[in-house]
Amino acid sequence: MRFLIAGLGSIGQRHLRNLIALGERDIILYRTYKGMLHDADLQSFPVERTLDAALSHHPDAVIISNPTRLHMDVAIQAARVGCHILLEKPIADSMEQVPEFIEAVRAGGGQVLVGYHFRFHPGLQQVRHLLEDEAIGQPVSARAHWGEHLPGWHPWEDYRLSYSARTDLGGGVILTLSHPLDYLRWIIGEVTAIWSFSAQVSDLDIPVEAVAEIGLRFANGLLGSLHLDYCQQPASHHLEIVGSQGTIRWDNADGIVRVSRSSQSSWESLPSPAGLDRNQLFLSQMRHFLEVMHGDAEPVCSLEDGIQALQLCLAAMTSQKEGRLVSNIEFG
């Protein structure tokens, strides 16, 4: 199999390393030389500076890891020629080009896996199974929290120039930290209404929203909330789900799921893989992508899932802009 990686920022470099770790060496690189990576770090892989030249190598799969606003420009052309696609999240920063991409995928016949890698976290998989098994009775509320310190996130670059901080590249905390909107829907179910407040933070000197509070109503009646920010030191990412007979907590810091049941007087910590590190999620995702390419699995996070996550992001942004609850969220 031949791979093309489009975009060699932090996540593109990670995908390159993981492909190599999994024994893949037939890799083409498409870069615009706007990032921080030096050619000496590319291990002599072929490099192309235009998409047409990159696709002329006839890759079997394209990994799209350039800035969010540029995703669809690559994805549509790759899909038209039948490439399988690992598309980083969010899939875009608007729905404008998504219908064209859907048609290109249908015409080309390739598979699409969207890069919401937290679906591969053993802890969140445990949370999902606990809810399926009704371990805490009827779930009634959920709250996810993710705070990151943007200036320290990628200390090798000026954070003000990163895609996360730039409107023209599809940045802002809602799109950049959209993982919880995906995994909440994956764990709990469909969202029927959403509200949001968001704000800039003057200390960060960026033109995008740096903090957001989002409220969610799910189809099963559960009420949820989500906090996102670019300010928190140290970073914190956790989830709590309250049920009629107990509570589930997951903390990304240690990856452990803890359960309190009404029948018990103390918290139970569930077993988790020893030595779990962040890159294992990406490795699991890449192994799954290889399985999808070979026809051995269906995408764990499909194009439809990616579209729904994007539409939740856009609904939250609409709520903030228009000052209203958004309940007519269009999916598909």
C-alpha atoms as a PDB file:
ATOM      1  CA  MET A   1       0.000   0.000   0.000  1.00  0.00           C
ATOM      2  CA  ARG A   2       1.178   3.503  -0.848  1.00  0.00           C
ATOM      3  CA  PHE A   3       0.360   6.398   1.481  1.00  0.00           C
ATOM      4  CA  LEU A   4       0.261  10.133   0.935  1.00  0.00           C
ATOM      5  CA  ILE A   5       0.443  12.430   3.961  1.00  0.00           C
ATOM      6  CA  ALA A   6      -0.943  15.901   3.261  1.00  0.00           C
ATOM      7  CA  GLY A   7       0.239  18.294   5.943  1.00  0.00           C
ATOM      8  CA  LEU A   8       3.320  17.821   8.107  1.00  0.00           C
ATOM      9  CA  GLY A   9       2.583  19.752  11.247  1.00  0.00           C
ATOM     10  CA  SER A  10       2.573  18.036  14.630  1.00  0.00           C
ATOM     11  CA  ILE A  11      -0.163  15.512  13.814  1.00  0.00           C
ATOM     12  CA  GLY A  12       1.125  14.804  10.307  1.00  0.00           C
ATOM     13  CA  GLN A  13       4.561  14.008  11.717  1.00  0.00           C
ATOM     14  CA  ARG A  14       2.948  11.699  14.279  1.00  0.00           C
ATOM     15  CA  HIS A  15       1.103   9.819  11.535  1.00  0.00           C
ATOM     16  CA  LEU A  16       4.369   9.496   9.599  1.00  0.00           C
ATOM     17  CA  ARG A  17       6.166   8.015  12.620  1.00  0.00           C
ATOM     18  CA  ASN A  18       3.333   5.613  13.297  1.00  0.00           C
ATOM     19  CA  LEU A  19       3.167   4.378   9.721  1.00  0.00           C
ATOM     20  CA  ILE A  20       6.888   3.654   9.895  1.00  0.00           C
ATOM     21  CA  ALA A  21       6.440   1.897  13.261  1.00  0.00           C
ATOM     22  CA  LEU A  22       3.797  -0.333  11.662  1.00  0.00           C
ATOM     23  CA  GLY A  23       6.164  -1.317   8.880  1.00  0.00           C
ATOM     24  CA  GLU A  24       4.913   0.987   6.129  1.00  0.00           C
ATOM     25  CA  ARG A  25       7.639   2.667   4.070  1.00  0.00           C
ATOM     26  CA  ASP A  26       5.948   3.503   0.748  1.00  0.00           C
ATOM     27  CA  ILE A  27       5.025   7.045   1.765  1.00  0.00           C
ATOM     28  CA  ILE A  28       4.752  10.264  -0.243  1.00  0.00           C
ATOM     29  CA  LEU A  29       4.719  13.638   1.506  1.00  0.00           C
ATOM     30  CA  TYR A  30       2.788  16.701   0.350  1.00  0.00           C
ATOM     31  CA  ARG A  31       3.838  19.890   2.061  1.00  0.00           C
ATOM     32  CA  THR A  32       3.690  23.608   1.400  1.00  0.00           C
ATOM     33  CA  TYR A  33       6.711  24.527   3.539  1.00  0.00           C
ATOM     34  CA  LYS A  34       4.615  26.728   5.811  1.00  0.00           C
ATOM     35  CA  GLY A  35       5.218  24.510   8.841  1.00  0.00           C
ATOM     36  CA  MET A  36       8.215  24.121  11.140  1.00  0.00           C
ATOM     37  CA  LEU A  37       9.450  20.744   9.911  1.00  0.00           C
ATOM     38  CA  HIS A  38      12.876  20.625   8.259  1.00  0.00           C
ATOM     39  CA  ASP A  39      13.576  18.424   5.232  1.00  0.00           C
ATOM     40  CA  ALA A  40      16.289  16.660   7.222  1.00  0.00           C
ATOM     41  CA  ASP A  41      13.539  15.161   9.401  1.00  0.00           C
ATOM     42  CA  LEU A  42      11.735  13.529   6.482  1.00  0.00           C
ATOM     43  CA  GLN A  43      13.988  10.471   6.219  1.00  0.00           C
ATOM     44  CA  SER A  44      14.372  10.853   2.418  1.00  0.00           C
ATOM     45  CA  PHE A  45      10.709  10.240   1.635  1.00  0.00           C
ATOM     46  CA  PRO A  46       9.588  11.823  -1.664  1.00  0.00           C
ATOM     47  CA  VAL A  47       8.213  15.329  -1.162  1.00  0.00           C
ATOM     48  CA  GLU A  48       5.800  17.110  -3.499  1.00  0.00           C
ATOM     49  CA  ARG A  49       4.732  20.753  -3.333  1.00  0.00           C
ATOM     50  CA  THR A  50       1.455  20.516  -5.269  1.00  0.00           C
ATOM     51  CA  LEU A  51      -1.477  18.215  -4.745  1.00  0.00           C
ATOM     52  CA  ASP A  52      -1.613  17.176  -8.398  1.00  0.00           C
ATOM     53  CA  ALA A  53       2.022  16.090  -8.248  1.00  0.00           C
ATOM     54  CA  ALA A  54       1.420  14.217  -5.006  1.00  0.00           C
ATOM     55  CA  LEU A  55      -1.616  12.364  -6.394  1.00  0.00           C
ATOM     56  CA  SER A  56       0.319  11.495  -9.551  1.00  0.00           C
ATOM     57  CA  HIS A  57       2.123   8.884  -7.414  1.00  0.00           C
ATOM     58  CA  HIS A  58      -1.233   7.025  -7.264  1.00  0.00           C
ATOM     59  CA  PRO A  59      -1.463   6.550  -3.501  1.00  0.00           C
ATOM     60  CA  ASP A  60      -3.865   3.953  -2.125  1.00  0.00           C
ATOM     61  CA  ALA A  61      -4.560   6.123   0.913  1.00  0.00           C
ATOM     62  CA  VAL A  62      -4.302   9.788   1.848  1.00  0.00           C
ATOM     63  CA  ILE A  63      -3.857  11.042   5.404  1.00  0.00           C
ATOM     64  CA  ILE A  64      -5.164  14.600   5.596  1.00  0.00           C
ATOM     65  CA  SER A  65      -3.528  16.504   8.425  1.00  0.00           C
ATOM     66  CA  ASN A  66      -3.237  20.034   7.113  1.00  0.00           C
ATOM     67  CA  PRO A  67      -5.102  22.967   8.748  1.00  0.00           C
ATOM     68  CA  THR A  68      -8.844  22.476   9.154  1.00  0.00           C
ATOM     69  CA  ARG A  69      -9.953  24.992   6.535  1.00  0.00           C
ATOM     70  CA  LEU A  70      -7.815  23.257   3.905  1.00  0.00           C
ATOM     71  CA  HIS A  71      -9.073  19.698   4.570  1.00  0.00           C
ATOM     72  CA  MET A  72     -11.751  19.603   1.893  1.00  0.00           C
ATOM     73  CA  ASP A  73      -9.482  20.925  -0.862  1.00  0.00           C
ATOM     74  CA  VAL A  74      -7.362  17.792  -0.501  1.00  0.00           C
ATOM     75  CA  ALA A  75     -10.132  15.383   0.510  1.00  0.00           C
ATOM     76  CA  ILE A  76     -12.342  15.986  -2.529  1.00  0.00           C
ATOM     77  CA  GLN A  77      -9.568  15.399  -5.048  1.00  0.00           C
ATOM     78  CA  ALA A  78      -8.272  12.334  -3.193  1.00  0.00           C
ATOM     79  CA  ALA A  79     -11.763  10.839  -2.935  1.00  0.00           C
ATOM     80  CA  ARG A  80     -12.456  11.351  -6.637  1.00  0.00           C
ATOM     81  CA  VAL A  81      -9.516   9.136  -7.591  1.00  0.00           C
ATOM     82  CA  GLY A  82     -10.610   6.389  -5.208  1.00  0.00           C
ATOM     83  CA  CYS A  83      -8.180   6.871  -2.327  1.00  0.00           C
ATOM     84  CA  HIS A  84      -8.984   5.672   1.158  1.00  0.00           C
ATOM     85  CA  ILE A  85      -8.829   8.659   3.506  1.00  0.00           C
ATOM     86  CA  LEU A  86      -7.857   9.218   7.127  1.00  0.00           C
ATOM     87  CA  LEU A  87      -9.281  12.693   7.659  1.00  0.00           C
ATOM     88  CA  GLU A  88      -8.213  14.664  10.698  1.00  0.00           C
ATOM     89  CA  LYS A  89     -10.828  16.302  12.869  1.00  0.00           C
ATOM     90  CA  PRO A  90     -12.847  18.349  12.482  1.00  0.00           C
ATOM     91  CA  ILE A  91     -13.499  17.404   8.897  1.00  0.00           C
ATOM     92  CA  ALA A  92     -13.880  21.088   7.906  1.00  0.00           C
ATOM     93  CA  ASP A  93     -14.778  24.449   9.411  1.00  0.00           C
ATOM     94  CA  SER A  94     -18.051  24.761   7.481  1.00  0.00           C
ATOM     95  CA  MET A  95     -20.476  22.575   5.568  1.00  0.00           C
ATOM     96  CA  GLU A  96     -19.834  24.438   2.295  1.00  0.00           C
ATOM     97  CA  GLN A  97     -17.740  21.747   0.569  1.00  0.00           C
ATOM     98  CA  VAL A  98     -18.991  18.705   2.478  1.00  0.00           C
ATOM     99  CA  PRO A  99     -21.750  17.724  -0.022  1.00  0.00           C
ATOM    100  CA  GLU A 100     -19.171  17.745  -2.820  1.00  0.00           C
ATOM    101  CA  PHE A 101     -16.919  15.533  -0.705  1.00  0.00           C
ATOM    102  CA  ILE A 102     -19.760  13.078  -0.021  1.00  0.00           C
ATOM    103  CA  GLU A 103     -20.381  12.754  -3.753  1.00  0.00           C
ATOM    104  CA  ALA A 104     -16.665  12.322  -4.452  1.00  0.00           C
ATOM    105  CA  VAL A 105     -16.465   9.497  -1.906  1.00  0.00           C
ATOM    106  CA  ARG A 106     -19.478   7.781  -3.462  1.00  0.00           C
ATOM    107  CA  ALA A 107     -18.029   8.105  -6.941  1.00  0.00           C
ATOM    108  CA  GLY A 108     -14.505   7.055  -6.011  1.00  0.00           C
ATOM    109  CA  GLY A 109     -15.446   4.151  -3.764  1.00  0.00           C
ATOM    110  CA  GLY A 110     -12.812   4.711  -1.067  1.00  0.00           C
ATOM    111  CA  GLN A 111     -13.345   4.447   2.656  1.00  0.00           C
ATOM    112  CA  VAL A 112     -13.166   7.392   5.067  1.00  0.00           C
ATOM    113  CA  LEU A 113     -12.012   7.245   8.694  1.00  0.00           C
ATOM    114  CA  VAL A 114     -12.318  10.471  10.685  1.00  0.00           C
ATOM    115  CA  GLY A 115      -9.544  11.116  13.198  1.00  0.00           C
ATOM    116  CA  TYR A 116     -11.464  11.353  16.462  1.00  0.00           C
ATOM    117  CA  HIS A 117      -8.882   9.166  18.167  1.00  0.00           C
ATOM    118  CA  PHE A 118     -10.482   9.258  21.630  1.00  0.00           C
ATOM    119  CA  ARG A 119     -12.805   6.534  20.372  1.00  0.00           C
ATOM    120  CA  PHE A 120      -9.737   4.311  20.754  1.00  0.00           C
ATOM    121  CA  HIS A 121      -9.179   5.227  24.413  1.00  0.00           C
ATOM    122  CA  PRO A 122      -9.707   2.106  26.572  1.00  0.00           C
ATOM    123  CA  GLY A 123     -11.165   4.243  29.352  1.00  0.00           C
ATOM    124  CA  LEU A 124     -13.841   5.830  27.187  1.00  0.00           C
ATOM    125  CA  GLN A 125     -14.590   2.416  25.696  1.00  0.00           C
ATOM    126  CA  GLN A 126     -15.141   1.194  29.268  1.00  0.00           C
ATOM    127  CA  VAL A 127     -17.472   4.121  29.959  1.00  0.00           C
ATOM    128  CA  ARG A 128     -19.501   3.250  26.887  1.00  0.00           C
ATOM    129  CA  HIS A 129     -19.792  -0.396  27.930  1.00  0.00           C
ATOM    130  CA  LEU A 130     -20.788   0.594  31.478  1.00  0.00           C
ATOM    131  CA  LEU A 131     -23.687   2.653  30.142  1.00  0.00           C
ATOM    132  CA  GLU A 132     -24.722  -0.168  27.809  1.00  0.00           C
ATOM    133  CA  ASP A 133     -24.759  -2.499  30.835  1.00  0.00           C
ATOM    134  CA  GLU A 134     -26.803   0.034  32.878  1.00  0.00           C
ATOM    135  CA  ALA A 135     -24.097   0.008  35.560  1.00  0.00           C
ATOM    136  CA  ILE A 136     -25.334   3.298  37.055  1.00  0.00           C
ATOM    137  CA  GLY A 137     -29.011   2.902  36.250  1.00  0.00           C
ATOM    138  CA  GLN A 138     -30.613   5.587  34.120  1.00  0.00           C
ATOM    139  CA  PRO A 139     -28.046   8.226  33.078  1.00  0.00           C
ATOM    140  CA  VAL A 140     -29.381  11.707  33.790  1.00  0.00           C
ATOM    141  CA  SER A 141     -26.479  14.101  33.213  1.00  0.00           C
ATOM    142  CA  ALA A 142     -22.976  14.291  31.798  1.00  0.00           C
ATOM    143  CA  ARG A 143     -20.233  16.886  31.971  1.00  0.00           C
ATOM    144  CA  ALA A 144     -17.004  16.922  29.991  1.00  0.00           C
ATOM    145  CA  HIS A 145     -14.191  19.369  30.682  1.00  0.00           C
ATOM    146  CA  TRP A 146     -11.115  20.042  28.560  1.00  0.00           C
ATOM    147  CA  GLY A 147      -8.751  22.878  29.319  1.00  0.00           C
ATOM    148  CA  GLU A 148      -5.400  23.330  27.559  1.00  0.00           C
ATOM    149  CA  HIS A 149      -2.799  26.085  27.741  1.00  0.00           C
ATOM    150  CA  LEU A 150      -2.452  27.054  24.089  1.00  0.00           C
ATOM    151  CA  PRO A 151       0.922  28.856  24.412  1.00  0.00           C
ATOM    152  CA  GLY A 152       2.440  25.715  25.919  1.00  0.00           C
ATOM    153  CA  TRP A 153       0.707  23.209  23.658  1.00  0.00           C
ATOM    154  CA  HIS A 154       3.308  23.349  20.872  1.00  0.00           C
ATOM    155  CA  PRO A 155       6.151  25.293  22.525  1.00  0.00           C
ATOM    156  CA  TRP A 156       8.321  25.081  19.394  1.00  0.00           C
ATOM    157  CA  GLU A 157       5.998  27.451  17.492  1.00  0.00           C
ATOM    158  CA  ASP A 158       4.404  30.851  18.060  1.00  0.00           C
ATOM    159  CA  TYR A 159       0.920  29.828  19.191  1.00  0.00           C
ATOM    160  CA  ARG A 160      -0.566  32.984  17.669  1.00  0.00           C
ATOM    161  CA  LEU A 161       0.414  31.706  14.205  1.00  0.00           C
ATOM    162  CA  SER A 162      -0.908  28.159  14.709  1.00  0.00           C
ATOM    163  CA  TYR A 163      -4.094  27.016  12.972  1.00  0.00           C
ATOM    164  CA  SER A 164      -5.742  26.648  16.405  1.00  0.00           C
ATOM    165  CA  ALA A 165      -5.500  30.410  16.901  1.00  0.00           C
ATOM    166  CA  ARG A 166      -6.397  31.616  13.403  1.00  0.00           C
ATOM    167  CA  THR A 167      -9.843  32.243  11.973  1.00  0.00           C
ATOM    168  CA  ASP A 168      -8.540  31.911   8.413  1.00  0.00           C
ATOM    169  CA  LEU A 169      -7.351  28.339   9.086  1.00  0.00           C
ATOM    170  CA  GLY A 170     -10.441  27.121  10.946  1.00  0.00           C
ATOM    171  CA  GLY A 171      -9.208  27.624  14.499  1.00  0.00           C
ATOM    172  CA  GLY A 172     -10.956  28.412  17.751  1.00  0.00           C
ATOM    173  CA  VAL A 173     -11.467  26.251  20.806  1.00  0.00           C
ATOM    174  CA  ILE A 174     -14.797  24.737  19.690  1.00  0.00           C
ATOM    175  CA  LEU A 175     -13.439  23.278  16.453  1.00  0.00           C
ATOM    176  CA  THR A 176      -9.935  22.515  17.694  1.00  0.00           C
ATOM    177  CA  LEU A 177     -11.050  20.714  20.878  1.00  0.00           C
ATOM    178  CA  SER A 178     -14.127  19.102  19.328  1.00  0.00           C
ATOM    179  CA  HIS A 179     -13.291  15.578  20.529  1.00  0.00           C
ATOM    180  CA  PRO A 180     -15.787  15.655  23.437  1.00  0.00           C
ATOM    181  CA  LEU A 181     -18.642  16.563  21.102  1.00  0.00           C
ATOM    182  CA  ASP A 182     -17.820  13.399  19.165  1.00  0.00           C
ATOM    183  CA  TYR A 183     -17.286  11.042  22.082  1.00  0.00           C
ATOM    184  CA  LEU A 184     -20.313  12.317  24.036  1.00  0.00           C
ATOM    185  CA  ARG A 185     -22.499  11.517  21.050  1.00  0.00           C
ATOM    186  CA  TRP A 186     -20.722   8.152  20.611  1.00  0.00           C
ATOM    187  CA  ILE A 187     -21.143   7.217  24.290  1.00  0.00           C
ATOM    188  CA  ILE A 188     -24.563   8.715  25.064  1.00  0.00           C
ATOM    189  CA  GLY A 189     -26.456   9.136  21.793  1.00  0.00           C
ATOM    190  CA  GLU A 190     -27.797  11.787  19.473  1.00  0.00           C
ATOM    191  CA  VAL A 191     -28.041  15.451  20.436  1.00  0.00           C
ATOM    192  CA  THR A 192     -31.348  17.213  19.848  1.00  0.00           C
ATOM    193  CA  ALA A 193     -30.558  20.724  21.102  1.00  0.00           C
ATOM    194  CA  ILE A 194     -27.503  22.818  21.944  1.00  0.00           C
ATOM    195  CA  TRP A 195     -26.663  26.204  23.430  1.00  0.00           C
ATOM    196  CA  SER A 196     -23.304  27.893  23.818  1.00  0.00           C
ATOM    197  CA  PHE A 197     -21.534  30.875  25.287  1.00  0.00           C
ATOM    198  CA  SER A 198     -17.988  31.572  24.123  1.00  0.00           C
ATOM    199  CA  ALA A 199     -15.493  34.389  24.492  1.00  0.00           C
ATOM    200  CA  GLN A 200     -12.062  35.584  23.519  1.00  0.00           C
ATOM    201  CA  VAL A 201      -9.364  35.965  26.170  1.00  0.00           C
ATOM    202  CA  SER A 202      -7.359  39.170  25.861  1.00  0.00           C
ATOM    203  CA  ASP A 203      -4.252  37.735  27.519  1.00  0.00           C
ATOM    204  CA  LEU A 204      -3.836  35.253  24.663  1.00  0.00           C
ATOM    205  CA  ASP A 205      -3.854  37.876  21.883  1.00  0.00           C
ATOM    206  CA  ILE A 206      -5.736  35.701  19.392  1.00  0.00           C
ATOM    207  CA  PRO A 207      -8.858  36.554  17.308  1.00  0.00           C
ATOM    208  CA  VAL A 208     -10.752  33.306  17.976  1.00  0.00           C
ATOM    209  CA  GLU A 209     -12.837  32.126  20.915  1.00  0.00           C
ATOM    210  CA  ALA A 210     -10.606  30.767  23.687  1.00  0.00           C
ATOM    211  CA  VAL A 211     -13.249  29.586  26.156  1.00  0.00           C
ATOM    212  CA  ALA A 212     -16.658  28.010  25.597  1.00  0.00           C
ATOM    213  CA  GLU A 213     -19.466  26.654  27.729  1.00  0.00           C
ATOM    214  CA  ILE A 214     -21.819  24.371  25.805  1.00  0.00           C
ATOM    215  CA  GLY A 215     -25.102  22.821  26.921  1.00  0.00           C
ATOM    216  CA  LEU A 216     -26.536  19.691  25.298  1.00  0.00           C
ATOM    217  CA  ARG A 217     -29.886  17.909  25.332  1.00  0.00           C
ATOM    218  CA  PHE A 218     -29.751  14.306  24.153  1.00  0.00           C
ATOM    219  CA  ALA A 219     -32.504  12.327  22.473  1.00  0.00           C
ATOM    220  CA  ASN A 220     -32.686   9.941  25.437  1.00  0.00           C
ATOM    221  CA  GLY A 221     -33.460  12.827  27.809  1.00  0.00           C
ATOM    222  CA  LEU A 222     -29.994  13.150  29.335  1.00  0.00           C
ATOM    223  CA  LEU A 223     -28.715  16.685  29.867  1.00  0.00           C
ATOM    224  CA  GLY A 224     -25.067  17.442  29.260  1.00  0.00           C
ATOM    225  CA  SER A 225     -22.540  20.230  29.400  1.00  0.00           C
ATOM    226  CA  LEU A 226     -19.071  20.804  28.014  1.00  0.00           C
ATOM    227  CA  HIS A 227     -16.348  23.242  29.022  1.00  0.00           C
ATOM    228  CA  LEU A 228     -13.496  24.033  26.620  1.00  0.00           C
ATOM    229  CA  ASP A 229     -10.643  26.498  27.046  1.00  0.00           C
ATOM    230  CA  TYR A 230      -7.189  27.455  25.805  1.00  0.00           C
ATOM    231  CA  CYS A 231      -6.072  28.779  29.199  1.00  0.00           C
ATOM    232  CA  GLN A 232      -5.869  26.072  31.834  1.00  0.00           C
ATOM    233  CA  GLN A 233      -2.562  25.251  33.521  1.00  0.00           C
ATOM    234  CA  PRO A 234      -1.967  22.415  34.010  1.00  0.00           C
ATOM    235  CA  ALA A 235      -4.167  20.922  31.307  1.00  0.00           C
ATOM    236  CA  SER A 236      -7.220  18.977  32.461  1.00  0.00           C
ATOM    237  CA  HIS A 237      -9.518  16.659  30.512  1.00  0.00           C
ATOM    238  CA  HIS A 238     -12.169  14.595  32.246  1.00  0.00           C
ATOM    239  CA  LEU A 239     -15.726  13.292  32.028  1.00  0.00           C
ATOM    240  CA  GLU A 240     -18.407  12.614  34.643  1.00  0.00           C
ATOM    241  CA  ILE A 241     -21.730  10.888  34.027  1.00  0.00           C
ATOM    242  CA  VAL A 242     -24.361  10.795  36.771  1.00  0.00           C
ATOM    243  CA  GLY A 243     -27.010   8.105  36.832  1.00  0.00           C
ATOM    244  CA  SER A 244     -29.952   7.156  39.009  1.00  0.00           C
ATOM    245  CA  GLN A 245     -27.850   4.473  40.721  1.00  0.00           C
ATOM    246  CA  GLY A 246     -24.313   5.794  40.583  1.00  0.00           C
ATOM    247  CA  THR A 247     -21.651   7.927  38.916  1.00  0.00           C
ATOM    248  CA  ILE A 248     -18.896   7.256  36.370  1.00  0.00           C
ATOM    249  CA  ARG A 249     -15.743   9.354  36.193  1.00  0.00           C
ATOM    250  CA  TRP A 250     -12.943   9.225  33.623  1.00  0.00           C
ATOM    251  CA  ASP A 251      -9.777  11.317  33.815  1.00  0.00           C
ATOM    252  CA  ASN A 252      -7.447  11.576  30.848  1.00  0.00           C
ATOM    253  CA  ALA A 253      -4.526  12.334  33.172  1.00  0.00           C
ATOM    254  CA  ASP A 254      -4.292   8.726  34.320  1.00  0.00           C
ATOM    255  CA  GLY A 255      -6.762   7.122  31.901  1.00  0.00           C
ATOM    256  CA  ILE A 256      -8.614   5.406  34.741  1.00  0.00           C
ATOM    257  CA  VAL A 257     -12.373   4.957  34.971  1.00  0.00           C
ATOM    258  CA  ARG A 258     -13.867   5.150  38.461  1.00  0.00           C
ATOM    259  CA  VAL A 259     -17.391   4.031  39.329  1.00  0.00           C
ATOM    260  CA  SER A 260     -19.509   4.805  42.369  1.00  0.00           C
ATOM    261  CA  ARG A 261     -22.584   2.619  42.740  1.00  0.00           C
ATOM    262  CA  SER A 262     -25.490   3.156  45.102  1.00  0.00           C
ATOM    263  CA  SER A 263     -24.923  -0.370  46.424  1.00  0.00           C
ATOM    264  CA  GLN A 264     -21.296   0.383  47.403  1.00  0.00           C
ATOM    265  CA  SER A 265     -19.745   2.762  49.907  1.00  0.00           C
ATOM    266  CA  SER A 266     -16.539   3.511  47.954  1.00  0.00           C
ATOM    267  CA  TRP A 267     -15.325   4.237  44.448  1.00  0.00           C
ATOM    268  CA  GLU A 268     -14.240   1.322  42.273  1.00  0.00           C
ATOM    269  CA  SER A 269     -11.281   1.861  39.913  1.00  0.00           C
ATOM    270  CA  LEU A 270     -11.519  -0.274  36.808  1.00  0.00           C
ATOM    271  CA  PRO A 271      -8.422  -2.004  35.395  1.00  0.00           C
ATOM    272  CA  SER A 272      -6.691  -0.115  32.606  1.00  0.00           C
ATOM    273  CA  PRO A 273      -3.803  -1.033  30.295  1.00  0.00           C
ATOM    274  CA  ALA A 274      -0.444  -0.584  32.001  1.00  0.00           C
ATOM    275  CA  GLY A 275       1.706   2.232  30.670  1.00  0.00           C
ATOM    276  CA  LEU A 276      -0.957   3.703  28.392  1.00  0.00           C
ATOM    277  CA  ASP A 277       0.382   6.778  26.613  1.00  0.00           C
ATOM    278  CA  ARG A 278      -1.245   9.170  24.196  1.00  0.00           C
ATOM    279  CA  ASN A 279       0.450   7.814  21.101  1.00  0.00           C
ATOM    280  CA  GLN A 280      -1.094   4.384  21.651  1.00  0.00           C
ATOM    281  CA  LEU A 281      -4.447   5.923  20.711  1.00  0.00           C
ATOM    282  CA  PHE A 282      -2.982   7.090  17.404  1.00  0.00           C
ATOM    283  CA  LEU A 283      -1.316   3.736  16.811  1.00  0.00           C
ATOM    284  CA  SER A 284      -4.616   1.941  17.439  1.00  0.00           C
ATOM    285  CA  GLN A 285      -6.307   4.344  15.053  1.00  0.00           C
ATOM    286  CA  MET A 286      -3.670   3.715  12.353  1.00  0.00           C
ATOM    287  CA  ARG A 287      -3.931  -0.077  12.764  1.00  0.00           C
ATOM    288  CA  HIS A 288      -7.681   0.267  12.376  1.00  0.00           C
ATOM    289  CA  PHE A 289      -7.223   2.406   9.263  1.00  0.00           C
ATOM    290  CA  LEU A 290      -5.090  -0.348   7.733  1.00  0.00           C
ATOM    291  CA  GLU A 291      -7.857  -2.849   8.530  1.00  0.00           C
ATOM    292  CA  VAL A 292     -10.413  -0.550   6.907  1.00  0.00           C
ATOM    293  CA  MET A 293      -8.229  -0.213   3.809  1.00  0.00           C
ATOM    294  CA  HIS A 294      -7.956  -3.982   3.495  1.00  0.00           C
ATOM    295  CA  GLY A 295     -11.716  -4.438   3.887  1.00  0.00           C
ATOM    296  CA  ASP A 296     -11.389  -6.155   7.265  1.00  0.00           C
ATOM    297  CA  ALA A 297     -13.309  -3.543   9.276  1.00  0.00           C
ATOM    298  CA  GLU A 298     -15.825  -0.734   8.958  1.00  0.00           C
ATOM    299  CA  PRO A 299     -14.641   2.717  10.123  1.00  0.00           C
ATOM    300  CA  VAL A 300     -15.078   3.172  13.870  1.00  0.00           C
ATOM    301  CA  CYS A 301     -15.573   6.871  13.177  1.00  0.00           C
ATOM    302  CA  SER A 302     -17.257   7.226   9.802  1.00  0.00           C
ATOM    303  CA  LEU A 303     -17.681  10.211   7.520  1.00  0.00           C
ATOM    304  CA  GLU A 304     -21.247  10.482   8.835  1.00  0.00           C
ATOM    305  CA  ASP A 305     -19.876  10.663  12.384  1.00  0.00           C
ATOM    306  CA  GLY A 306     -17.471  13.389  11.314  1.00  0.00           C
ATOM    307  CA  ILE A 307     -20.288  15.360   9.690  1.00  0.00           C
ATOM    308  CA  GLN A 308     -22.418  15.157  12.820  1.00  0.00           C
ATOM    309  CA  ALA A 309     -19.531  16.318  15.026  1.00  0.00           C
ATOM    310  CA  LEU A 310     -18.947  19.267  12.691  1.00  0.00           C
ATOM    311  CA  GLN A 311     -22.620  20.185  12.727  1.00  0.00           C
ATOM    312  CA  LEU A 312     -22.622  20.155  16.521  1.00  0.00           C
ATOM    313  CA  CYS A 313     -19.660  22.539  16.454  1.00  0.00           C
ATOM    314  CA  LEU A 314     -21.418  24.814  13.985  1.00  0.00           C
ATOM    315  CA  ALA A 315     -24.641  24.694  16.019  1.00  0.00           C
ATOM    316  CA  ALA A 316     -22.692  25.767  19.117  1.00  0.00           C
ATOM    317  CA  MET A 317     -21.162  28.635  17.160  1.00  0.00           C
ATOM    318  CA  THR A 318     -24.595  29.635  15.845  1.00  0.00           C
ATOM    319  CA  SER A 319     -25.994  29.628  19.386  1.00  0.00           C
ATOM    320  CA  GLN A 320     -23.264  31.993  20.556  1.00  0.00           C
ATOM    321  CA  LYS A 321     -23.642  34.288  17.550  1.00  0.00           C
ATOM    322  CA  GLU A 322     -27.437  34.485  17.629  1.00  0.00           C
ATOM    323  CA  GLY A 323     -27.967  34.162  21.371  1.00  0.00           C
ATOM    324  CA  ARG A 324     -30.441  31.287  21.169  1.00  0.00           C
ATOM    325  CA  LEU A 325     -30.959  27.603  21.701  1.00  0.00           C
ATOM    326  CA  VAL A 326     -30.361  25.639  18.487  1.00  0.00           C
ATOM    327  CA  SER A 327     -32.723  22.687  18.229  1.00  0.00           C
ATOM    328  CA  ASN A 328     -33.052  22.116  14.490  1.00  0.00           C
ATOM    329  CA  ILE A 329     -29.608  20.550  14.045  1.00  0.00           C
ATOM    330  CA  GLU A 330     -29.364  19.086  10.561  1.00  0.00           C
ATOM    331  CA  PHE A 331     -27.343  15.890  10.210  1.00  0.00           C
ATOM    332  CA  GLY A 332     -26.208  14.170   7.031  1.00  0.00           C
END
